[in-house]
Amino acid sequence: MRYNVEAHEAMQNLEEEMKAKVEEYLKKRDISIVRKDDVENAIKVIKKPIVEVKRASHYKPVAKEYESDIIIDHKRDVTGKSRTKGSAKDFVRYFQNRFKRMRSLFGPHTSEYSEMLIGDLSKANGEKVSIIAMVSEKRESRSGNTVLSLEDLTGKAVAVANKNDERVMDKIALVTKEDTIRVYCKVKDKLLLVEDLEFPDVRERVVHPTIEKDVAVAYLSDIHLGSRFCLEDMLNRFMSWIREPSTKKELAGKIKYIVVAGDVVDGIGIYPGQEKELSVKDIYGQYELFDKLLEELPDYIDVVVSPGNHDAVRRAEPMPALKESFFSNKKPYLVGNPGVVHIEGFKHLIYHGTSMDSLVANIRHLTYHKVEPIMREYFRRRHLSPIYGTNPIVPEEIDYMVMDKVPHVFHCGHIHKNGQALYKGVLMLNSGTFQDQTPFQIKQGHIPTPGNIPVYNLNSKKLSIVDVRSL
């Protein structure tokens, strides 16, 4: 390991104890030529206490009395299974797998319309039929009608929705490319005249389990450690509250689990000019801050971490879990993005939410100001990245983004906006952020809601929103 001139001078100005710590830190990073920035980053990480908490002996949290019950659903996690080369053949296989799995999510057919495959439509002229197909194109005709190009595994068809049919037009306004829908129509020559349509959606109301343990889950996302805009004071307050609450003691004492839905750190090279907005410019240093954060948690609390688009994994989805080597102290449960985890029997679907950007761009009633309607669209479509092209997708053999099983709790982040709602029994949560408004967000008009933490009591099934500023 060699130092350039500026780095050497910076090292000479350090006291011996700090110099030894910096050298040890830099050796772990395997840096061939150390720059002054590397030395400064090392000093920041070594000196920076994320939390300053008192360890109280008189505080006896209820959650400490119970054993943990966490099961990772590895079947629905891409971690360690990615084998695709990204060829055209891989993409064909990927979309075929998506369609087959999506088709199975539709309910039984009980209407007056005969269910048919596109390849058999030539025999059904003049009849009322229903088909399940993927939308390859959506456009408006010169007369103002909406035209859908549809495909299934047997062929292609064109469907037309009459602009004067308000009921159908309201539904078709929600349709985007790559959606899999059931279309009820009348066959007229080579056209399908749309009379109704439906999405796979959630067919039956979800019922949450009943448990005896009086424990709760806290949900976090978008911490962005290493960013100059990371609100470390809020993190300090949250950690202090967990260990020795001065208010809301009963709720704090029931927190047994913490689930993090991505963007643990701010990352490196995520967007142009990011380096100017970083307080720690080394990815390992950023994760070391999170490692210190985990170390301050009580031993009885278990943490589940799923990555986001700022984390040190591939940018395309599905994302594998973070590497265990980032964590040296308290080892969290690491899952992919999306990831499925059963906590005390409650099925949690964790997804960072990168595809929210494409949903907002393509569905007219969605905005960044209200996250609940965006989350609902995932369930309507039963897919976490329904629109291909904007959000990078890896063509795996299995489409891990299909929501084939409906969760009890859906947890996401990404847009730094808190939101919570029940949808057919599913508790949908966006846990906001621990990052202040950035210059980019100011330009876009995005107003984050930092420091509002959803806490769900699995025993009482009560959701609380903890405003960290009030602690």
Protein backbone atom coordinates (compact mmCIF):
# COMPACT_ATOMS: atom_id res chain seq x y z
CA MET A 1 0.00 0.00 0.00
CA ARG A 2 1.50 3.34 -1.12
CA TYR A 3 0.51 6.91 -0.28
CA ASN A 4 0.58 9.87 -2.63
CA VAL A 5 2.21 13.08 -1.36
CA GLU A 6 -0.98 14.68 0.03
CA ALA A 7 -2.07 11.46 1.74
CA HIS A 8 1.39 11.02 3.27
CA GLU A 9 1.29 14.56 4.69
CA ALA A 10 -2.20 13.96 6.11
CA MET A 11 -1.00 10.77 7.83
CA GLN A 12 2.00 12.54 9.35
CA ASN A 13 -0.31 15.06 11.01
CA LEU A 14 -2.21 12.32 12.87
CA GLU A 15 -1.55 11.13 16.40
CA GLU A 16 -0.01 7.66 16.55
CA GLU A 17 -3.16 5.94 17.80
CA MET A 18 -5.33 7.44 15.06
CA LYS A 19 -2.64 6.77 12.45
CA ALA A 20 -2.62 3.08 13.38
CA LYS A 21 -6.41 2.88 13.12
CA VAL A 22 -6.40 4.61 9.72
CA GLU A 23 -3.70 2.26 8.42
CA GLU A 24 -5.68 -0.76 9.61
CA TYR A 25 -8.84 0.61 7.98
CA LEU A 26 -7.10 1.28 4.65
CA LYS A 27 -5.45 -2.16 4.54
CA LYS A 28 -8.90 -3.76 4.67
CA ARG A 29 -9.91 -1.72 1.62
CA ASP A 30 -7.06 -3.13 -0.51
CA ILE A 31 -6.21 0.31 -1.99
CA SER A 32 -3.04 0.28 -4.10
CA ILE A 33 -2.36 4.04 -3.96
CA VAL A 34 -3.90 5.94 -1.06
CA ARG A 35 -5.14 9.48 -1.74
CA LYS A 36 -5.86 12.25 0.73
CA ASP A 37 -9.62 11.61 0.25
CA ASP A 38 -9.11 8.01 1.37
CA VAL A 39 -7.41 9.16 4.57
CA GLU A 40 -10.14 11.72 5.28
CA ASN A 41 -12.91 9.16 4.69
CA ALA A 42 -11.21 6.72 7.04
CA ILE A 43 -10.98 9.36 9.77
CA LYS A 44 -14.68 10.23 9.38
CA VAL A 45 -15.76 6.61 9.70
CA ILE A 46 -13.48 5.92 12.67
CA LYS A 47 -14.43 9.07 14.56
CA LYS A 48 -18.11 9.13 13.70
CA PRO A 49 -20.40 7.66 16.35
CA ILE A 50 -23.76 7.15 14.66
CA VAL A 51 -25.41 6.84 18.03
CA GLU A 52 -24.70 7.84 21.57
CA VAL A 53 -26.94 5.87 23.88
CA LYS A 54 -27.07 5.01 27.54
CA ARG A 55 -27.37 1.34 28.39
CA ALA A 56 -29.99 1.22 31.10
CA SER A 57 -30.30 -1.77 33.40
CA HIS A 58 -33.73 -0.88 34.84
CA TYR A 59 -35.48 -0.92 31.47
CA LYS A 60 -37.08 -4.32 30.81
CA PRO A 61 -38.55 -4.54 27.31
CA VAL A 62 -41.28 -7.12 26.72
CA ALA A 63 -39.71 -8.21 23.41
CA LYS A 64 -36.65 -9.51 25.25
CA GLU A 65 -38.74 -12.30 26.77
CA TYR A 66 -39.47 -13.98 23.42
CA GLU A 67 -37.46 -16.06 20.97
CA SER A 68 -37.31 -14.83 17.39
CA ASP A 69 -39.35 -16.45 14.63
CA ILE A 70 -38.01 -15.50 11.20
CA ILE A 71 -38.12 -17.66 8.07
CA ILE A 72 -36.70 -16.46 4.74
CA ASP A 73 -38.55 -17.71 1.66
CA HIS A 74 -35.51 -18.63 -0.45
CA LYS A 75 -37.73 -19.92 -3.26
CA ARG A 76 -38.83 -16.34 -4.00
CA ASP A 77 -35.34 -14.82 -3.68
CA VAL A 78 -32.87 -14.50 -6.57
CA THR A 79 -29.81 -14.48 -4.29
CA GLY A 80 -27.29 -17.07 -5.47
CA LYS A 81 -29.49 -18.21 -8.37
CA SER A 82 -28.81 -15.69 -11.15
CA ARG A 83 -27.52 -17.58 -14.22
CA THR A 84 -28.86 -15.58 -17.16
CA LYS A 85 -26.62 -14.14 -19.88
CA GLY A 86 -29.16 -11.53 -20.98
CA SER A 87 -29.54 -12.97 -24.49
CA ALA A 88 -32.62 -12.58 -26.69
CA LYS A 89 -33.45 -16.21 -25.90
CA ASP A 90 -33.29 -15.43 -22.18
CA PHE A 91 -35.75 -12.55 -22.60
CA VAL A 92 -38.20 -14.72 -24.56
CA ARG A 93 -38.04 -17.38 -21.85
CA TYR A 94 -38.43 -14.71 -19.15
CA PHE A 95 -41.61 -13.22 -20.66
CA GLN A 96 -43.06 -16.68 -21.27
CA ASN A 97 -42.49 -17.53 -17.62
CA ARG A 98 -44.05 -14.23 -16.56
CA PHE A 99 -47.12 -14.81 -18.69
CA LYS A 100 -47.66 -18.39 -17.53
CA ARG A 101 -47.44 -17.39 -13.89
CA MET A 102 -49.60 -14.30 -14.33
CA ARG A 103 -52.26 -16.27 -16.22
CA SER A 104 -52.64 -18.64 -13.27
CA LEU A 105 -53.54 -15.73 -10.96
CA PHE A 106 -56.89 -14.98 -12.59
CA GLY A 107 -59.97 -16.35 -10.92
CA PRO A 108 -62.19 -19.10 -12.35
CA HIS A 109 -64.15 -18.22 -15.46
CA THR A 110 -67.91 -18.10 -14.78
CA SER A 111 -69.34 -15.54 -17.21
CA GLU A 112 -71.31 -15.80 -20.46
CA TYR A 113 -68.06 -15.30 -22.36
CA SER A 114 -66.32 -18.45 -23.63
CA GLU A 115 -62.70 -18.58 -22.52
CA MET A 116 -60.40 -18.99 -25.50
CA LEU A 117 -56.79 -18.82 -26.63
CA ILE A 118 -55.87 -16.25 -29.26
CA GLY A 119 -54.88 -19.04 -31.63
CA ASP A 120 -58.49 -20.31 -31.65
CA LEU A 121 -60.25 -16.98 -32.28
CA SER A 122 -60.65 -17.64 -36.00
CA LYS A 123 -63.32 -20.21 -35.10
CA ALA A 124 -65.27 -17.76 -32.93
CA ASN A 125 -66.40 -14.99 -35.29
CA GLY A 126 -69.50 -13.27 -33.89
CA GLU A 127 -69.14 -14.92 -30.48
CA LYS A 128 -68.50 -13.43 -27.06
CA VAL A 129 -65.17 -14.63 -25.71
CA SER A 130 -62.69 -13.89 -22.96
CA ILE A 131 -58.94 -14.14 -23.39
CA ILE A 132 -56.03 -13.72 -21.01
CA ALA A 133 -53.22 -11.92 -22.80
CA MET A 134 -50.23 -9.64 -22.37
CA VAL A 135 -50.42 -6.10 -23.76
CA SER A 136 -47.60 -5.48 -26.24
CA GLU A 137 -48.85 -2.06 -27.37
CA LYS A 138 -51.47 0.51 -26.43
CA ARG A 139 -52.38 3.38 -28.73
CA GLU A 140 -55.19 5.71 -29.70
CA SER A 141 -56.77 5.39 -33.13
CA ARG A 142 -57.53 8.36 -35.37
CA SER A 143 -61.16 8.15 -34.30
CA GLY A 144 -60.23 8.34 -30.60
CA ASN A 145 -60.76 4.69 -29.71
CA THR A 146 -58.11 2.79 -27.74
CA VAL A 147 -56.34 -0.03 -29.54
CA LEU A 148 -54.56 -2.83 -27.66
CA SER A 149 -52.14 -5.25 -29.27
CA LEU A 150 -52.43 -8.51 -27.33
CA GLU A 151 -50.36 -11.69 -27.20
CA ASP A 152 -50.57 -15.08 -25.57
CA LEU A 153 -48.50 -18.22 -26.18
CA THR A 154 -50.63 -19.14 -29.22
CA GLY A 155 -50.72 -15.91 -31.21
CA LYS A 156 -51.50 -12.20 -31.48
CA ALA A 157 -54.72 -10.19 -31.67
CA VAL A 158 -55.95 -6.61 -31.82
CA ALA A 159 -58.62 -5.34 -29.42
CA VAL A 160 -60.51 -2.05 -29.74
CA ALA A 161 -62.23 -0.18 -26.91
CA ASN A 162 -64.96 2.28 -27.92
CA LYS A 163 -64.28 5.81 -26.70
CA ASN A 164 -67.99 6.24 -25.88
CA ASP A 165 -68.03 3.36 -23.39
CA GLU A 166 -67.06 5.26 -20.23
CA ARG A 167 -66.98 2.20 -18.00
CA VAL A 168 -64.51 0.38 -20.24
CA MET A 169 -62.47 3.51 -20.93
CA ASP A 170 -62.01 4.14 -17.19
CA LYS A 171 -60.55 0.65 -16.84
CA ILE A 172 -58.45 0.79 -19.98
CA ALA A 173 -56.89 4.05 -18.80
CA LEU A 174 -55.08 1.97 -16.18
CA VAL A 175 -53.64 -0.49 -18.70
CA THR A 176 -49.96 -0.18 -19.60
CA LYS A 177 -47.60 -2.13 -21.82
CA GLU A 178 -46.66 -5.59 -20.51
CA ASP A 179 -49.78 -5.78 -18.33
CA THR A 180 -51.44 -9.20 -18.31
CA ILE A 181 -55.21 -8.74 -18.41
CA ARG A 182 -58.38 -10.69 -19.07
CA VAL A 183 -60.38 -9.10 -21.90
CA TYR A 184 -64.09 -9.77 -22.40
CA CYS A 185 -64.97 -9.04 -25.99
CA LYS A 186 -66.99 -9.83 -29.09
CA VAL A 187 -65.12 -11.23 -32.08
CA LYS A 188 -65.82 -9.31 -35.27
CA ASP A 189 -63.82 -10.51 -38.25
CA LYS A 190 -60.20 -10.07 -37.13
CA LEU A 191 -60.94 -7.57 -34.36
CA LEU A 192 -61.89 -7.97 -30.72
CA LEU A 193 -64.45 -5.40 -29.56
CA VAL A 194 -63.79 -4.84 -25.86
CA GLU A 195 -66.84 -5.04 -23.59
CA ASP A 196 -64.98 -5.37 -20.28
CA LEU A 197 -61.58 -6.20 -18.84
CA GLU A 198 -59.97 -7.12 -15.55
CA PHE A 199 -56.58 -7.32 -13.89
CA PRO A 200 -55.41 -10.35 -11.87
CA ASP A 201 -55.71 -8.32 -8.62
CA VAL A 202 -56.19 -9.79 -5.13
CA ARG A 203 -59.09 -12.24 -5.30
CA GLU A 204 -59.71 -12.92 -1.61
CA ARG A 205 -59.34 -10.70 1.42
CA VAL A 206 -56.15 -11.41 3.36
CA VAL A 207 -56.57 -12.42 7.01
CA HIS A 208 -53.67 -11.74 9.37
CA PRO A 209 -52.56 -14.49 11.77
CA THR A 210 -53.28 -14.36 15.49
CA ILE A 211 -50.27 -14.74 17.79
CA GLU A 212 -49.77 -14.75 21.56
CA LYS A 213 -46.44 -12.92 21.59
CA ASP A 214 -46.85 -9.20 22.26
CA VAL A 215 -44.18 -8.07 19.79
CA ALA A 216 -43.89 -5.45 17.06
CA VAL A 217 -41.99 -4.74 13.86
CA ALA A 218 -40.42 -1.37 13.00
CA TYR A 219 -40.03 -0.52 9.31
CA LEU A 220 -37.22 1.63 7.89
CA SER A 221 -35.92 2.48 4.44
CA ASP A 222 -33.78 5.01 2.59
CA ILE A 223 -31.35 5.76 5.40
CA HIS A 224 -28.67 6.95 2.93
CA LEU A 225 -25.69 6.71 5.25
CA GLY A 226 -22.69 8.50 3.76
CA SER A 227 -24.83 11.30 2.32
CA ARG A 228 -24.38 14.86 3.56
CA PHE A 229 -28.17 14.95 3.79
CA CYS A 230 -28.48 11.88 6.03
CA LEU A 231 -30.32 13.01 9.17
CA GLU A 232 -28.02 11.43 11.73
CA ASP A 233 -29.64 13.23 14.63
CA MET A 234 -32.90 11.44 13.85
CA LEU A 235 -31.05 8.13 13.77
CA ASN A 236 -29.54 8.96 17.16
CA ARG A 237 -32.99 9.68 18.57
CA PHE A 238 -34.43 6.46 17.19
CA MET A 239 -31.59 4.36 18.58
CA SER A 240 -31.80 6.05 21.97
CA TRP A 241 -35.55 5.44 22.03
CA ILE A 242 -35.08 1.75 21.23
CA ARG A 243 -32.57 1.26 24.03
CA GLU A 244 -33.88 3.61 26.72
CA PRO A 245 -37.17 5.27 25.82
CA SER A 246 -38.25 8.35 27.71
CA THR A 247 -41.61 8.36 25.93
CA LYS A 248 -43.79 5.70 24.28
CA LYS A 249 -41.95 3.16 26.47
CA GLU A 250 -44.50 0.39 26.03
CA LEU A 251 -44.30 0.55 22.23
CA ALA A 252 -40.49 0.71 22.19
CA GLY A 253 -40.28 -2.31 24.47
CA LYS A 254 -42.35 -4.44 22.11
CA ILE A 255 -40.13 -3.92 19.05
CA LYS A 256 -38.60 -7.31 18.33
CA TYR A 257 -37.82 -6.86 14.64
CA ILE A 258 -36.62 -4.12 12.29
CA VAL A 259 -37.14 -4.49 8.53
CA VAL A 260 -35.14 -2.26 6.16
CA ALA A 261 -36.41 -1.86 2.58
CA GLY A 262 -33.27 -0.69 0.81
CA ASP A 263 -30.97 2.28 0.32
CA VAL A 264 -29.12 1.62 3.54
CA VAL A 265 -26.28 3.79 2.17
CA ASP A 266 -26.10 6.55 -0.42
CA GLY A 267 -23.72 4.54 -2.58
CA ILE A 268 -21.08 5.66 -5.07
CA GLY A 269 -21.60 6.80 -8.67
CA ILE A 270 -25.38 6.47 -8.57
CA TYR A 271 -26.03 9.78 -10.37
CA PRO A 272 -23.90 12.58 -11.89
CA GLY A 273 -22.37 14.91 -9.31
CA GLN A 274 -23.17 12.63 -6.38
CA GLU A 275 -19.62 12.85 -5.04
CA LYS A 276 -20.24 16.47 -4.02
CA GLU A 277 -23.15 15.34 -1.82
CA LEU A 278 -21.27 12.60 0.04
CA SER A 279 -19.82 12.85 3.54
CA VAL A 280 -18.18 9.42 3.14
CA LYS A 281 -16.88 8.70 -0.36
CA ASP A 282 -15.94 5.07 0.23
CA ILE A 283 -18.63 2.39 -0.14
CA TYR A 284 -17.05 0.22 2.54
CA GLY A 285 -16.94 3.21 4.86
CA GLN A 286 -20.64 3.83 4.29
CA TYR A 287 -21.52 0.25 5.22
CA GLU A 288 -19.22 0.46 8.21
CA LEU A 289 -21.47 3.23 9.50
CA PHE A 290 -24.44 0.89 9.18
CA ASP A 291 -22.45 -1.87 10.87
CA LYS A 292 -21.89 0.46 13.84
CA LEU A 293 -25.58 1.29 13.85
CA LEU A 294 -26.51 -2.39 14.10
CA GLU A 295 -24.01 -2.89 16.90
CA GLU A 296 -25.91 -0.42 19.05
CA LEU A 297 -29.16 -2.37 18.82
CA PRO A 298 -30.14 -4.59 21.74
CA ASP A 299 -29.28 -8.26 21.24
CA TYR A 300 -32.93 -9.33 21.32
CA ILE A 301 -33.82 -7.28 18.21
CA ASP A 302 -33.37 -8.97 14.83
CA VAL A 303 -32.88 -6.98 11.64
CA VAL A 304 -33.89 -7.90 8.08
CA VAL A 305 -32.19 -5.96 5.27
CA SER A 306 -33.18 -5.86 1.59
CA PRO A 307 -31.18 -3.71 -0.87
CA GLY A 308 -32.24 -0.73 -2.98
CA ASN A 309 -30.90 1.02 -6.06
CA HIS A 310 -28.30 2.97 -4.01
CA ASP A 311 -26.88 -0.16 -2.40
CA ALA A 312 -23.84 -2.18 -3.49
CA VAL A 313 -25.67 -4.68 -5.69
CA ARG A 314 -26.54 -4.74 -9.40
CA ARG A 315 -28.90 -1.97 -10.49
CA ALA A 316 -31.24 -4.26 -12.43
CA GLU A 317 -34.02 -6.17 -10.67
CA PRO A 318 -34.38 -8.63 -9.11
CA MET A 319 -31.43 -7.72 -6.90
CA PRO A 320 -29.45 -10.24 -4.85
CA ALA A 321 -28.92 -9.70 -1.14
CA LEU A 322 -26.06 -7.58 0.20
CA LYS A 323 -22.80 -9.39 0.91
CA GLU A 324 -22.29 -10.68 4.44
CA SER A 325 -18.75 -9.26 4.35
CA PHE A 326 -20.18 -5.76 4.84
CA PHE A 327 -21.21 -6.74 8.37
CA SER A 328 -18.76 -7.69 11.09
CA ASN A 329 -20.76 -7.13 14.25
CA LYS A 330 -24.49 -7.86 14.52
CA LYS A 331 -25.35 -9.99 11.49
CA PRO A 332 -28.70 -9.06 9.93
CA TYR A 333 -30.91 -11.37 7.91
CA LEU A 334 -30.03 -10.51 4.30
CA VAL A 335 -32.61 -10.96 1.55
CA GLY A 336 -32.87 -9.92 -2.09
CA ASN A 337 -35.02 -7.22 -3.63
CA PRO A 338 -37.78 -8.29 -3.71
CA GLY A 339 -37.55 -10.54 -0.69
CA VAL A 340 -40.12 -12.56 1.23
CA VAL A 341 -39.76 -13.12 4.97
CA HIS A 342 -42.16 -14.74 7.42
CA ILE A 343 -42.01 -12.97 10.79
CA GLU A 344 -44.05 -14.68 13.51
CA GLY A 345 -46.13 -16.19 10.71
CA PHE A 346 -46.82 -12.81 9.05
CA LYS A 347 -45.72 -12.95 5.44
CA HIS A 348 -43.72 -9.83 4.58
CA LEU A 349 -43.05 -8.86 0.97
CA ILE A 350 -40.16 -6.39 0.93
CA TYR A 351 -39.55 -4.39 -2.25
CA HIS A 352 -37.54 -1.19 -2.46
CA GLY A 353 -39.85 0.35 -5.06
CA THR A 354 -37.65 1.50 -7.94
CA SER A 355 -40.41 0.75 -10.47
CA MET A 356 -42.63 3.38 -8.83
CA ASP A 357 -40.97 5.87 -11.18
CA SER A 358 -42.26 4.08 -14.28
CA LEU A 359 -45.74 3.65 -12.79
CA VAL A 360 -46.00 7.38 -12.04
CA ALA A 361 -44.79 8.20 -15.55
CA ASN A 362 -47.33 5.92 -17.26
CA ILE A 363 -50.52 5.99 -15.15
CA ARG A 364 -52.19 9.37 -15.16
CA HIS A 365 -53.74 9.40 -11.67
CA LEU A 366 -50.47 8.57 -9.87
CA THR A 367 -48.18 11.21 -8.36
CA TYR A 368 -45.15 11.25 -6.08
CA HIS A 369 -47.15 13.23 -3.53
CA LYS A 370 -49.31 10.27 -2.52
CA VAL A 371 -47.75 6.82 -2.29
CA GLU A 372 -50.78 4.68 -1.36
CA PRO A 373 -52.32 4.64 -4.89
CA ILE A 374 -48.92 3.63 -6.32
CA MET A 375 -48.67 0.68 -3.94
CA ARG A 376 -52.20 -0.41 -4.86
CA GLU A 377 -51.17 -0.73 -8.52
CA TYR A 378 -48.68 -3.44 -7.60
CA PHE A 379 -51.53 -5.52 -6.21
CA ARG A 380 -53.91 -4.75 -9.07
CA ARG A 381 -51.26 -6.06 -11.47
CA ARG A 382 -49.75 -8.67 -9.12
CA HIS A 383 -46.34 -7.63 -10.42
CA LEU A 384 -43.61 -5.45 -8.90
CA SER A 385 -42.14 -4.17 -12.16
CA PRO A 386 -44.94 -4.43 -14.72
CA ILE A 387 -43.60 -1.97 -17.31
CA TYR A 388 -40.54 -3.20 -19.19
CA GLY A 389 -37.91 -0.76 -20.46
CA THR A 390 -37.64 2.06 -17.92
CA ASN A 391 -36.76 -0.05 -14.91
CA PRO A 392 -33.89 -2.46 -15.78
CA ILE A 393 -34.89 -6.12 -15.48
CA VAL A 394 -32.63 -9.18 -15.52
CA PRO A 395 -34.26 -11.95 -17.61
CA GLU A 396 -34.02 -14.79 -15.11
CA GLU A 397 -35.58 -18.19 -15.81
CA ILE A 398 -38.19 -17.33 -13.19
CA ASP A 399 -39.79 -13.89 -12.95
CA TYR A 400 -39.17 -13.10 -9.29
CA MET A 401 -41.19 -9.88 -9.64
CA VAL A 402 -44.50 -11.77 -10.00
CA MET A 403 -46.57 -11.55 -6.82
CA ASP A 404 -47.87 -15.11 -6.95
CA LYS A 405 -48.62 -15.20 -3.22
CA VAL A 406 -50.31 -12.25 -1.51
CA PRO A 407 -48.50 -11.06 1.64
CA HIS A 408 -49.89 -9.90 4.95
CA VAL A 409 -47.52 -6.90 4.94
CA PHE A 410 -46.04 -5.10 1.92
CA HIS A 411 -43.09 -2.85 2.77
CA CYS A 412 -41.39 -0.48 0.33
CA GLY A 413 -39.49 2.81 0.18
CA HIS A 414 -37.67 4.62 -2.66
CA ILE A 415 -39.69 7.82 -3.01
CA HIS A 416 -38.96 9.05 0.55
CA LYS A 417 -42.65 9.52 1.25
CA ASN A 418 -44.51 7.84 4.09
CA GLY A 419 -47.76 6.10 3.35
CA GLN A 420 -49.89 3.37 4.83
CA ALA A 421 -53.16 1.76 3.79
CA LEU A 422 -55.09 -1.49 3.89
CA TYR A 423 -55.86 -3.07 0.54
CA LYS A 424 -58.09 -6.15 0.75
CA GLY A 425 -56.49 -6.97 4.08
CA VAL A 426 -52.89 -6.33 3.00
CA LEU A 427 -51.08 -3.77 5.17
CA MET A 428 -49.18 -1.61 2.67
CA LEU A 429 -46.37 0.51 4.11
CA ASN A 430 -43.91 3.00 2.72
CA SER A 431 -41.51 3.84 5.51
CA GLY A 432 -40.25 7.18 4.21
CA THR A 433 -36.62 8.10 4.79
CA PHE A 434 -33.85 9.33 7.06
CA GLN A 435 -32.54 11.72 4.41
CA ASP A 436 -33.31 15.41 4.17
CA GLN A 437 -34.55 16.99 0.95
CA THR A 438 -31.76 16.85 -1.65
CA PRO A 439 -31.07 19.43 -4.39
CA PHE A 440 -32.47 16.98 -6.97
CA GLN A 441 -35.69 16.59 -4.98
CA ILE A 442 -36.02 20.37 -4.68
CA LYS A 443 -35.83 20.66 -8.49
CA GLN A 444 -38.41 17.89 -8.91
CA GLY A 445 -40.75 19.25 -6.25
CA HIS A 446 -40.43 16.10 -4.12
CA ILE A 447 -41.14 16.73 -0.44
CA PRO A 448 -39.80 13.87 1.74
CA THR A 449 -41.25 12.85 5.10
CA PRO A 450 -38.16 11.91 7.14
CA GLY A 451 -38.20 10.30 10.56
CA ASN A 452 -41.72 8.81 10.56
CA ILE A 453 -41.37 5.13 11.46
CA PRO A 454 -44.24 2.65 11.03
CA VAL A 455 -44.41 0.16 13.91
CA TYR A 456 -46.85 -2.75 13.57
CA ASN A 457 -47.87 -4.70 16.67
CA LEU A 458 -48.33 -8.28 15.50
CA ASN A 459 -50.40 -9.17 18.56
CA SER A 460 -52.93 -6.32 18.58
CA LYS A 461 -52.60 -5.71 14.81
CA LYS A 462 -52.32 -2.00 15.55
CA LEU A 463 -50.16 0.25 13.39
CA SER A 464 -48.42 3.23 15.01
CA ILE A 465 -46.42 5.95 13.26
CA VAL A 466 -43.55 7.12 15.45
CA ASP A 467 -42.41 10.67 14.71
CA VAL A 468 -38.76 10.58 15.74
CA ARG A 469 -38.73 14.34 16.30
CA SER A 470 -41.20 13.90 19.16
CA LEU A 471 -39.05 11.38 21.03
